[in-house]
Amino acid sequence: MSDNQPRQHRSNPLWMDGITEKPSPIRRLIIGCLFPIMIVQGIWVRLTVPKLPEAKGAREGIVGGGLPLRLLVAGDSSAAGVGVSSQKEALAGRMVSLLADDFKVSWKLIANTGWTTAELRQFLSTEPSIRYDIVLTATGVNDITSRLSVSAALLEQAKLVELLRDRFAVRHILISGLPPVHRFPSLPEPLRCYIGARAQRLDAAIQIWSQNQTDCEHIPLRFAVGPENMASDGFHPGPDIYALWGQAAADIIRIKCL
């Protein structure tokens, strides 16, 4: 990012009216009454939902023969490809395969199951300071499930973007939105409604914040989800969703880089 680009709202995104505000008193009362139930449901989900492995395969490489493009994909279990067996079926693999028709893609995947945005940022701060043209991030769900407030989770997203700018001199940052958690089949009600609403609020906040950043773009993940197109754990994407996600990201990258 050049020094003459606008820097307002870079470090503190909490200027947005209404997006990160606290729930109403009535809503807080309802949540408080249901909280013991949701605690038990959360424990039950952790004990019963199968723990799927990350996708196997290479996490960096060079493919294609067109214009040079340096790509970093970074995030949590969804970026790591949990839900499919091979990285070729996962997000990074889908993107690289589609972009190889137009670019010589030097790519790297940095992702780990369970990472919060802060943990991803901490790990990236130890990586070599390499220049990337595009970074795609996929993080935020673990912030919500760890009960981080929406305001704090949004601030973590802003800090991650700042690190990417400063350490990797990124030209464009694609911020994946949060998935429709309120439709995840593995989550029982009312836990699904509660976590889903928090995910929707954070996603809306990220979308509005990113519109005020000259180098950021929000990728909404508003794909239809259900047992038929999700992984067997009912929580992670299946091959079809990864394909749609990868296609959406590749289309944006072509527009920005060709």
Protein backbone atom coordinates (compact mmCIF):
# COMPACT_ATOMS: atom_id res chain seq x y z
CA MET A 1 0.00 0.00 0.00
CA SER A 2 1.43 3.36 -0.99
CA ASP A 3 1.89 6.11 1.57
CA ASN A 4 -0.57 8.42 -0.20
CA GLN A 5 -3.54 6.06 0.18
CA PRO A 6 -6.18 6.98 2.76
CA ARG A 7 -5.42 5.57 6.19
CA GLN A 8 -8.48 6.65 8.14
CA HIS A 9 -10.27 3.79 9.93
CA ARG A 10 -7.26 1.52 9.38
CA SER A 11 -6.56 0.55 12.99
CA ASN A 12 -9.87 1.36 14.65
CA PRO A 13 -12.98 0.15 12.79
CA LEU A 14 -15.39 0.81 15.63
CA TRP A 15 -16.65 4.09 14.18
CA MET A 16 -19.59 2.30 12.51
CA ASP A 17 -22.92 3.20 14.05
CA GLY A 18 -25.19 0.31 14.88
CA ILE A 19 -23.09 -2.54 13.55
CA THR A 20 -21.19 -3.49 16.68
CA GLU A 21 -23.69 -2.22 19.23
CA LYS A 22 -24.69 -4.48 22.12
CA PRO A 23 -27.99 -6.42 22.01
CA SER A 24 -31.08 -4.78 23.47
CA PRO A 25 -31.93 -5.39 27.14
CA ILE A 26 -34.73 -7.78 26.18
CA ARG A 27 -32.43 -9.76 23.92
CA ARG A 28 -29.77 -9.91 26.65
CA LEU A 29 -32.41 -11.21 29.08
CA ILE A 30 -33.48 -13.94 26.65
CA ILE A 31 -29.86 -14.90 26.00
CA GLY A 32 -29.20 -15.01 29.73
CA CYS A 33 -32.14 -17.37 30.31
CA LEU A 34 -31.05 -19.66 27.48
CA PHE A 35 -27.34 -19.51 28.25
CA PRO A 36 -27.21 -22.60 30.52
CA ILE A 37 -28.92 -24.62 27.78
CA MET A 38 -26.47 -23.36 25.16
CA ILE A 39 -23.50 -24.20 27.37
CA VAL A 40 -24.69 -27.81 27.57
CA GLN A 41 -25.35 -27.84 23.82
CA GLY A 42 -21.86 -26.51 23.13
CA ILE A 43 -20.30 -29.29 25.20
CA TRP A 44 -22.50 -31.85 23.43
CA VAL A 45 -21.45 -30.56 20.00
CA ARG A 46 -17.76 -30.74 20.93
CA LEU A 47 -18.15 -34.31 22.16
CA THR A 48 -20.32 -35.67 19.34
CA VAL A 49 -19.38 -33.84 16.13
CA PRO A 50 -16.61 -35.79 14.36
CA LYS A 51 -13.18 -34.12 14.18
CA LEU A 52 -12.28 -34.13 10.51
CA PRO A 53 -8.64 -33.85 9.34
CA GLU A 54 -7.22 -31.05 7.25
CA ALA A 55 -6.93 -31.73 3.52
CA LYS A 56 -3.75 -33.50 2.47
CA GLY A 57 -1.40 -32.25 -0.20
CA ALA A 58 1.04 -29.49 -1.06
CA ARG A 59 0.63 -26.12 0.63
CA GLU A 60 2.81 -24.12 -1.71
CA GLY A 61 4.04 -24.23 -5.27
CA ILE A 62 4.26 -22.55 -8.66
CA VAL A 63 1.76 -23.31 -11.44
CA GLY A 64 0.75 -21.74 -14.75
CA GLY A 65 2.67 -19.70 -17.26
CA GLY A 66 1.04 -16.31 -17.60
CA LEU A 67 1.50 -13.06 -15.72
CA PRO A 68 3.37 -13.47 -12.41
CA LEU A 69 1.09 -13.55 -9.37
CA ARG A 70 2.11 -14.09 -5.76
CA LEU A 71 -0.80 -15.48 -3.73
CA LEU A 72 -1.18 -16.22 -0.01
CA VAL A 73 -4.22 -17.99 1.43
CA ALA A 74 -4.37 -17.77 5.23
CA GLY A 75 -6.92 -18.77 7.82
CA ASP A 76 -8.54 -21.40 9.98
CA SER A 77 -9.86 -24.90 9.29
CA SER A 78 -11.86 -23.82 6.24
CA ALA A 79 -8.72 -22.41 4.63
CA ALA A 80 -6.91 -25.62 5.62
CA GLY A 81 -9.45 -27.65 3.65
CA VAL A 82 -11.24 -29.49 6.44
CA GLY A 83 -14.14 -31.32 4.81
CA VAL A 84 -12.33 -32.59 1.71
CA SER A 85 -9.53 -35.11 1.36
CA SER A 86 -7.17 -33.22 -0.96
CA GLN A 87 -5.92 -29.65 -1.20
CA LYS A 88 -6.88 -29.80 -4.88
CA GLU A 89 -10.52 -29.92 -3.76
CA ALA A 90 -10.04 -27.26 -1.08
CA LEU A 91 -10.12 -23.48 -1.31
CA ALA A 92 -6.48 -22.80 -2.20
CA GLY A 93 -6.32 -25.64 -4.69
CA ARG A 94 -9.49 -24.50 -6.45
CA MET A 95 -8.21 -20.94 -6.70
CA VAL A 96 -4.78 -21.93 -8.01
CA SER A 97 -6.25 -24.28 -10.61
CA LEU A 98 -8.55 -21.57 -11.96
CA LEU A 99 -5.90 -18.83 -11.93
CA ALA A 100 -3.26 -20.97 -13.68
CA ASP A 101 -4.95 -20.30 -17.03
CA ASP A 102 -4.01 -16.61 -16.84
CA PHE A 103 -1.15 -16.35 -14.34
CA LYS A 104 2.07 -17.93 -13.24
CA VAL A 105 0.91 -18.40 -9.65
CA SER A 106 3.46 -18.59 -6.83
CA TRP A 107 1.20 -19.60 -3.98
CA LYS A 108 1.32 -20.54 -0.32
CA LEU A 109 -1.24 -21.75 2.18
CA ILE A 110 -0.91 -20.92 5.89
CA ALA A 111 -3.84 -22.30 7.85
CA ASN A 112 -4.60 -24.35 10.93
CA THR A 113 -7.70 -25.84 12.51
CA GLY A 114 -8.87 -23.84 15.51
CA TRP A 115 -6.97 -20.64 14.81
CA THR A 116 -8.64 -17.42 15.87
CA THR A 117 -7.84 -14.26 13.94
CA ALA A 118 -5.37 -13.23 16.64
CA GLU A 119 -3.60 -16.60 16.48
CA LEU A 120 -3.35 -16.37 12.69
CA ARG A 121 -1.93 -12.86 12.99
CA GLN A 122 0.60 -14.01 15.58
CA PHE A 123 1.81 -16.82 13.32
CA LEU A 124 2.02 -14.56 10.25
CA SER A 125 4.13 -12.10 12.24
CA THR A 126 6.86 -14.76 12.33
CA GLU A 127 6.76 -15.48 8.59
CA PRO A 128 9.43 -14.09 6.23
CA SER A 129 8.54 -10.63 4.95
CA ILE A 130 7.72 -11.59 1.36
CA ARG A 131 5.76 -9.37 -1.01
CA TYR A 132 2.38 -10.79 -2.10
CA ASP A 133 0.06 -9.46 -4.78
CA ILE A 134 -3.03 -11.06 -3.27
CA VAL A 135 -3.83 -12.38 0.20
CA LEU A 136 -7.10 -14.16 0.85
CA THR A 137 -8.10 -14.57 4.49
CA ALA A 138 -10.65 -17.00 5.91
CA THR A 139 -11.12 -16.48 9.62
CA GLY A 140 -13.68 -15.30 12.18
CA VAL A 141 -15.82 -18.31 13.06
CA ASN A 142 -13.50 -19.32 15.92
CA ASP A 143 -13.64 -15.74 17.21
CA ILE A 144 -17.42 -16.01 17.43
CA THR A 145 -17.51 -19.48 18.98
CA SER A 146 -14.91 -18.43 21.56
CA ARG A 147 -17.36 -15.73 22.71
CA LEU A 148 -15.21 -12.83 21.59
CA SER A 149 -17.46 -9.80 21.23
CA VAL A 150 -18.36 -8.67 17.73
CA SER A 151 -16.54 -5.37 18.32
CA ALA A 152 -13.40 -7.15 19.47
CA ALA A 153 -13.59 -9.63 16.59
CA LEU A 154 -13.87 -6.80 14.08
CA LEU A 155 -10.87 -5.09 15.63
CA GLU A 156 -8.89 -8.33 15.25
CA GLN A 157 -9.77 -8.37 11.54
CA ALA A 158 -8.49 -4.81 11.21
CA LYS A 159 -5.25 -5.72 13.00
CA LEU A 160 -4.78 -8.67 10.64
CA VAL A 161 -5.19 -6.44 7.61
CA GLU A 162 -2.69 -3.97 9.05
CA LEU A 163 -0.13 -6.74 9.53
CA LEU A 164 -0.63 -7.96 5.96
CA ARG A 165 -0.02 -4.46 4.65
CA ASP A 166 3.01 -3.76 6.75
CA ARG A 167 4.76 -7.14 6.60
CA PHE A 168 3.87 -8.38 3.11
CA ALA A 169 3.23 -5.15 1.13
CA VAL A 170 0.04 -6.72 -0.23
CA ARG A 171 -1.62 -5.11 -3.24
CA HIS A 172 -5.10 -6.55 -2.60
CA ILE A 173 -6.61 -8.28 0.43
CA LEU A 174 -9.67 -10.46 -0.05
CA ILE A 175 -11.53 -11.00 3.22
CA SER A 176 -13.79 -14.01 3.16
CA GLY A 177 -17.08 -13.39 4.89
CA LEU A 178 -18.40 -15.63 7.61
CA PRO A 179 -20.45 -18.60 6.46
CA PRO A 180 -24.18 -18.94 7.24
CA VAL A 181 -23.63 -20.51 10.64
CA HIS A 182 -27.35 -20.15 11.40
CA ARG A 183 -27.94 -22.95 8.85
CA PHE A 184 -25.25 -25.39 9.99
CA PRO A 185 -27.01 -28.75 10.48
CA SER A 186 -24.63 -29.89 13.25
CA LEU A 187 -25.71 -27.11 15.63
CA PRO A 188 -28.90 -27.54 17.69
CA GLU A 189 -31.26 -24.72 18.54
CA PRO A 190 -31.04 -22.29 20.30
CA LEU A 191 -27.24 -22.50 20.02
CA ARG A 192 -27.38 -22.33 16.23
CA CYS A 193 -29.53 -19.19 16.26
CA TYR A 194 -27.29 -17.48 18.83
CA ILE A 195 -23.96 -18.22 17.14
CA GLY A 196 -25.48 -17.63 13.71
CA ALA A 197 -26.73 -14.18 14.67
CA ARG A 198 -23.30 -13.22 16.02
CA ALA A 199 -21.69 -14.46 12.81
CA GLN A 200 -24.11 -12.40 10.71
CA ARG A 201 -23.37 -9.26 12.75
CA LEU A 202 -19.62 -9.72 12.39
CA ASP A 203 -19.93 -10.43 8.68
CA ALA A 204 -21.98 -7.26 8.16
CA ALA A 205 -19.42 -5.25 10.14
CA ILE A 206 -16.50 -6.63 8.11
CA GLN A 207 -18.30 -5.89 4.87
CA ILE A 208 -18.95 -2.25 5.78
CA TRP A 209 -15.46 -1.75 7.18
CA SER A 210 -13.80 -3.22 4.09
CA GLN A 211 -15.69 -0.82 1.83
CA ASN A 212 -13.68 2.00 3.41
CA GLN A 213 -10.34 0.32 2.67
CA THR A 214 -8.85 0.98 -0.74
CA ASP A 215 -7.05 -2.37 -0.86
CA CYS A 216 -9.67 -4.69 0.69
CA GLU A 217 -12.66 -6.54 -0.68
CA HIS A 218 -15.18 -8.63 1.22
CA ILE A 219 -16.23 -11.94 -0.35
CA PRO A 220 -19.70 -12.90 0.88
CA LEU A 221 -20.17 -16.60 1.57
CA ARG A 222 -23.90 -16.76 1.00
CA PHE A 223 -23.91 -20.20 -0.53
CA ALA A 224 -26.75 -22.60 0.17
CA VAL A 225 -25.73 -25.02 2.90
CA GLY A 226 -27.22 -28.32 3.95
CA PRO A 227 -26.28 -31.93 4.61
CA GLU A 228 -26.00 -32.55 0.87
CA ASN A 229 -23.19 -30.05 0.20
CA MET A 230 -21.40 -29.84 3.55
CA ALA A 231 -18.81 -32.11 5.10
CA SER A 232 -19.90 -35.06 7.22
CA ASP A 233 -19.45 -33.02 10.41
CA GLY A 234 -22.18 -30.59 9.34
CA PHE A 235 -19.87 -27.69 10.13
CA HIS A 236 -17.33 -27.43 7.29
CA PRO A 237 -17.72 -26.98 3.53
CA GLY A 238 -17.93 -29.91 1.17
CA PRO A 239 -16.36 -29.99 -2.33
CA ASP A 240 -19.19 -28.05 -4.00
CA ILE A 241 -18.95 -25.12 -1.57
CA TYR A 242 -15.17 -24.97 -1.85
CA ALA A 243 -15.58 -24.89 -5.65
CA LEU A 244 -18.00 -21.94 -5.49
CA TRP A 245 -15.81 -20.10 -2.99
CA GLY A 246 -12.68 -20.64 -5.08
CA GLN A 247 -14.48 -19.49 -8.22
CA ALA A 248 -15.71 -16.30 -6.54
CA ALA A 249 -12.20 -15.47 -5.33
CA ALA A 250 -10.56 -16.25 -8.68
CA ASP A 251 -13.04 -14.03 -10.52
CA ILE A 252 -12.20 -11.07 -8.28
CA ILE A 253 -8.46 -11.66 -8.66
CA ARG A 254 -8.73 -11.67 -12.47
CA ILE A 255 -10.53 -8.34 -12.40
CA LYS A 256 -7.93 -6.78 -10.13
CA CYS A 257 -4.78 -8.23 -11.68
CA LEU A 258 -5.34 -8.69 -15.42
